[in-house]
Amino acid sequence: MDEFVIGQHLGRSAQGPMVWGKSDCAILAADVWMMVTGYDPMADLRGAYDTRWGYLQIVRNEGGFLASATARLDHMSARPFDG
């Protein structure tokens, strides 16, 4: 994947409003992941929430941010950096 294409996508996203479930930070990270790997770890959640609280409820139900990210990336043997 060309860094230029990713940069263009992020630049276009930065020009528009942030919309929960459509252009928030989790969706944008998933966009980049999908551009690089072809897999969308947020496919089931796109448009499934429209507020910060809706997103936080989903993450809470999935066991927290690290558990949610790990489960969504697990099939590719990828692990989020945990510091």
N, C-alpha and C. Protein backbone atom coordinates (compact mmCIF):
# COMPACT_ATOMS: atom_id res chain seq x y z
N MET A 1 0.85 -1.18 0.00
CA MET A 1 0.00 0.00 0.00
C MET A 1 0.89 1.23 0.00
N ASP A 2 0.56 2.11 -0.83
CA ASP A 2 1.30 3.37 -0.98
C ASP A 2 0.95 4.33 0.16
N GLU A 3 1.97 4.84 0.86
CA GLU A 3 1.73 5.79 1.95
C GLU A 3 0.99 7.02 1.46
N PHE A 4 1.19 7.39 0.20
CA PHE A 4 0.52 8.55 -0.37
C PHE A 4 -1.00 8.36 -0.37
N VAL A 5 -1.46 7.16 -0.72
CA VAL A 5 -2.89 6.88 -0.76
C VAL A 5 -3.46 6.96 0.66
N ILE A 6 -2.76 6.40 1.62
CA ILE A 6 -3.21 6.47 3.01
C ILE A 6 -3.25 7.93 3.47
N GLY A 7 -2.21 8.68 3.14
CA GLY A 7 -2.17 10.10 3.50
C GLY A 7 -3.30 10.88 2.88
N GLN A 8 -3.61 10.58 1.62
CA GLN A 8 -4.74 11.25 0.96
C GLN A 8 -6.06 10.95 1.68
N HIS A 9 -6.25 9.70 2.04
CA HIS A 9 -7.48 9.31 2.74
C HIS A 9 -7.59 10.04 4.08
N LEU A 10 -6.51 10.05 4.84
CA LEU A 10 -6.53 10.73 6.13
C LEU A 10 -6.72 12.23 5.96
N GLY A 11 -6.12 12.80 4.94
CA GLY A 11 -6.28 14.23 4.67
C GLY A 11 -7.72 14.58 4.34
N ARG A 12 -8.35 13.76 3.49
CA ARG A 12 -9.76 13.99 3.15
C ARG A 12 -10.63 13.86 4.39
N SER A 13 -10.33 12.88 5.21
CA SER A 13 -11.11 12.66 6.44
C SER A 13 -10.98 13.84 7.40
N ALA A 14 -9.79 14.41 7.46
CA ALA A 14 -9.56 15.54 8.37
C ALA A 14 -10.32 16.79 7.94
N GLN A 15 -10.67 16.88 6.67
CA GLN A 15 -11.38 18.06 6.18
C GLN A 15 -12.87 18.02 6.49
N GLY A 16 -13.40 16.84 6.73
CA GLY A 16 -14.83 16.72 7.02
C GLY A 16 -15.09 16.63 8.51
N PRO A 17 -16.34 16.62 8.88
CA PRO A 17 -16.67 16.51 10.30
C PRO A 17 -16.44 15.10 10.81
N MET A 18 -16.11 14.98 12.10
CA MET A 18 -16.00 13.67 12.73
C MET A 18 -17.41 13.19 13.01
N VAL A 19 -17.73 12.00 12.56
CA VAL A 19 -19.05 11.43 12.76
C VAL A 19 -18.87 10.05 13.40
N TRP A 20 -19.42 9.88 14.59
CA TRP A 20 -19.31 8.59 15.27
C TRP A 20 -19.87 7.48 14.40
N GLY A 21 -19.11 6.39 14.27
CA GLY A 21 -19.53 5.24 13.49
C GLY A 21 -19.25 5.35 12.02
N LYS A 22 -18.78 6.52 11.57
CA LYS A 22 -18.48 6.72 10.15
C LYS A 22 -17.09 7.28 9.91
N SER A 23 -16.64 8.20 10.77
CA SER A 23 -15.33 8.81 10.56
C SER A 23 -14.63 9.14 11.88
N ASP A 24 -14.89 8.34 12.91
CA ASP A 24 -14.19 8.54 14.18
C ASP A 24 -12.81 7.87 14.13
N CYS A 25 -12.04 7.98 15.20
CA CYS A 25 -10.67 7.47 15.18
C CYS A 25 -10.61 5.96 14.99
N ALA A 26 -11.56 5.21 15.55
CA ALA A 26 -11.56 3.76 15.38
C ALA A 26 -11.85 3.38 13.92
N ILE A 27 -12.78 4.08 13.30
CA ILE A 27 -13.11 3.82 11.90
C ILE A 27 -11.93 4.19 11.00
N LEU A 28 -11.29 5.33 11.28
CA LEU A 28 -10.15 5.73 10.44
C LEU A 28 -8.99 4.74 10.58
N ALA A 29 -8.73 4.26 11.79
CA ALA A 29 -7.68 3.25 11.97
C ALA A 29 -8.04 1.98 11.21
N ALA A 30 -9.31 1.60 11.26
CA ALA A 30 -9.76 0.41 10.52
C ALA A 30 -9.64 0.64 9.01
N ASP A 31 -9.91 1.86 8.56
CA ASP A 31 -9.74 2.17 7.13
C ASP A 31 -8.31 1.91 6.67
N VAL A 32 -7.36 2.39 7.46
CA VAL A 32 -5.95 2.19 7.11
C VAL A 32 -5.61 0.71 7.17
N TRP A 33 -6.07 0.02 8.20
CA TRP A 33 -5.81 -1.42 8.33
C TRP A 33 -6.34 -2.15 7.09
N MET A 34 -7.55 -1.77 6.67
CA MET A 34 -8.16 -2.40 5.50
C MET A 34 -7.37 -2.09 4.23
N MET A 35 -6.87 -0.86 4.10
CA MET A 35 -6.07 -0.51 2.93
C MET A 35 -4.80 -1.35 2.85
N VAL A 36 -4.22 -1.65 3.99
CA VAL A 36 -2.96 -2.39 4.04
C VAL A 36 -3.18 -3.89 3.92
N THR A 37 -4.21 -4.42 4.59
CA THR A 37 -4.38 -5.87 4.68
C THR A 37 -5.54 -6.43 3.86
N GLY A 38 -6.50 -5.57 3.51
CA GLY A 38 -7.68 -6.06 2.83
C GLY A 38 -8.77 -6.52 3.77
N TYR A 39 -8.53 -6.49 5.07
CA TYR A 39 -9.50 -6.93 6.08
C TYR A 39 -10.00 -5.72 6.87
N ASP A 40 -11.31 -5.63 7.06
CA ASP A 40 -11.91 -4.53 7.80
C ASP A 40 -12.28 -5.00 9.21
N PRO A 41 -11.49 -4.65 10.22
CA PRO A 41 -11.80 -5.09 11.58
C PRO A 41 -13.02 -4.41 12.19
N MET A 42 -13.55 -3.39 11.56
CA MET A 42 -14.72 -2.68 12.07
C MET A 42 -15.95 -2.87 11.17
N ALA A 43 -15.92 -3.85 10.28
CA ALA A 43 -17.01 -4.03 9.32
C ALA A 43 -18.36 -4.16 10.02
N ASP A 44 -18.41 -4.88 11.11
CA ASP A 44 -19.68 -5.10 11.79
C ASP A 44 -20.15 -3.89 12.60
N LEU A 45 -19.27 -2.92 12.80
CA LEU A 45 -19.63 -1.76 13.62
C LEU A 45 -19.82 -0.47 12.83
N ARG A 46 -19.49 -0.49 11.56
CA ARG A 46 -19.67 0.73 10.76
C ARG A 46 -21.16 1.09 10.72
N GLY A 47 -21.46 2.26 11.24
CA GLY A 47 -22.84 2.72 11.30
C GLY A 47 -23.65 2.13 12.45
N ALA A 48 -23.04 1.28 13.27
CA ALA A 48 -23.76 0.64 14.38
C ALA A 48 -23.89 1.53 15.61
N TYR A 49 -23.15 2.62 15.64
CA TYR A 49 -23.23 3.57 16.75
C TYR A 49 -23.15 4.97 16.18
N ASP A 50 -23.73 5.92 16.87
CA ASP A 50 -23.68 7.29 16.37
C ASP A 50 -23.36 8.31 17.45
N THR A 51 -22.91 7.81 18.60
CA THR A 51 -22.48 8.69 19.68
C THR A 51 -21.25 8.11 20.35
N ARG A 52 -20.56 8.94 21.09
CA ARG A 52 -19.40 8.48 21.87
C ARG A 52 -19.84 7.39 22.84
N TRP A 53 -20.98 7.61 23.48
CA TRP A 53 -21.47 6.64 24.46
C TRP A 53 -21.82 5.32 23.81
N GLY A 54 -22.35 5.36 22.61
CA GLY A 54 -22.64 4.13 21.89
C GLY A 54 -21.38 3.34 21.61
N TYR A 55 -20.33 4.04 21.19
CA TYR A 55 -19.05 3.39 20.94
C TYR A 55 -18.48 2.81 22.23
N LEU A 56 -18.52 3.59 23.30
CA LEU A 56 -17.98 3.11 24.57
C LEU A 56 -18.74 1.90 25.09
N GLN A 57 -20.03 1.87 24.87
CA GLN A 57 -20.83 0.70 25.29
C GLN A 57 -20.40 -0.55 24.54
N ILE A 58 -20.17 -0.42 23.24
CA ILE A 58 -19.71 -1.56 22.45
C ILE A 58 -18.36 -2.05 22.96
N VAL A 59 -17.42 -1.12 23.16
CA VAL A 59 -16.09 -1.49 23.66
C VAL A 59 -16.21 -2.15 25.03
N ARG A 60 -17.03 -1.60 25.90
CA ARG A 60 -17.23 -2.18 27.23
C ARG A 60 -17.78 -3.61 27.11
N ASN A 61 -18.75 -3.80 26.23
CA ASN A 61 -19.34 -5.13 26.04
C ASN A 61 -18.34 -6.13 25.46
N GLU A 62 -17.32 -5.63 24.77
CA GLU A 62 -16.29 -6.51 24.20
C GLU A 62 -15.11 -6.70 25.16
N GLY A 63 -15.24 -6.19 26.39
CA GLY A 63 -14.22 -6.44 27.41
C GLY A 63 -13.20 -5.33 27.56
N GLY A 64 -13.43 -4.18 26.93
CA GLY A 64 -12.48 -3.07 27.01
C GLY A 64 -11.75 -2.89 25.69
N PHE A 65 -11.02 -1.78 25.59
CA PHE A 65 -10.39 -1.45 24.32
C PHE A 65 -9.37 -2.51 23.88
N LEU A 66 -8.47 -2.92 24.77
CA LEU A 66 -7.44 -3.88 24.39
C LEU A 66 -8.06 -5.21 23.99
N ALA A 67 -9.04 -5.68 24.74
CA ALA A 67 -9.69 -6.96 24.41
C ALA A 67 -10.42 -6.85 23.07
N SER A 68 -11.09 -5.74 22.84
CA SER A 68 -11.81 -5.53 21.59
C SER A 68 -10.85 -5.52 20.40
N ALA A 69 -9.78 -4.74 20.52
CA ALA A 69 -8.80 -4.66 19.43
C ALA A 69 -8.14 -6.00 19.18
N THR A 70 -7.78 -6.71 20.25
CA THR A 70 -7.13 -8.01 20.11
C THR A 70 -8.06 -9.00 19.40
N ALA A 71 -9.32 -9.03 19.81
CA ALA A 71 -10.27 -9.95 19.18
C ALA A 71 -10.48 -9.62 17.71
N ARG A 72 -10.53 -8.34 17.39
CA ARG A 72 -10.77 -7.94 16.00
C ARG A 72 -9.57 -8.18 15.09
N LEU A 73 -8.38 -8.21 15.67
CA LEU A 73 -7.17 -8.41 14.86
C LEU A 73 -6.61 -9.83 15.01
N ASP A 74 -7.18 -10.63 15.90
CA ASP A 74 -6.63 -11.93 16.25
C ASP A 74 -6.51 -12.88 15.07
N HIS A 75 -7.46 -12.87 14.17
CA HIS A 75 -7.43 -13.83 13.06
C HIS A 75 -6.20 -13.66 12.17
N MET A 76 -5.54 -12.50 12.26
CA MET A 76 -4.35 -12.26 11.44
C MET A 76 -3.07 -12.40 12.26
N SER A 77 -3.18 -12.93 13.47
CA SER A 77 -2.06 -13.04 14.39
C SER A 77 -1.43 -11.69 14.68
N ALA A 78 -2.22 -10.64 14.58
CA ALA A 78 -1.76 -9.29 14.91
C ALA A 78 -2.15 -8.99 16.33
N ARG A 79 -1.31 -8.24 17.01
CA ARG A 79 -1.61 -7.84 18.36
C ARG A 79 -1.38 -6.34 18.49
N PRO A 80 -2.34 -5.63 19.10
CA PRO A 80 -2.10 -4.20 19.32
C PRO A 80 -0.97 -4.00 20.32
N PHE A 81 -0.26 -2.94 20.15
CA PHE A 81 0.83 -2.62 21.05
C PHE A 81 0.25 -2.24 22.40
N ASP A 82 0.71 -2.86 23.46
CA ASP A 82 0.15 -2.57 24.78
C ASP A 82 1.16 -1.90 25.70
N GLY A 83 2.20 -1.32 25.12
CA GLY A 83 3.14 -0.51 25.88
C GLY A 83 4.18 -1.30 26.56
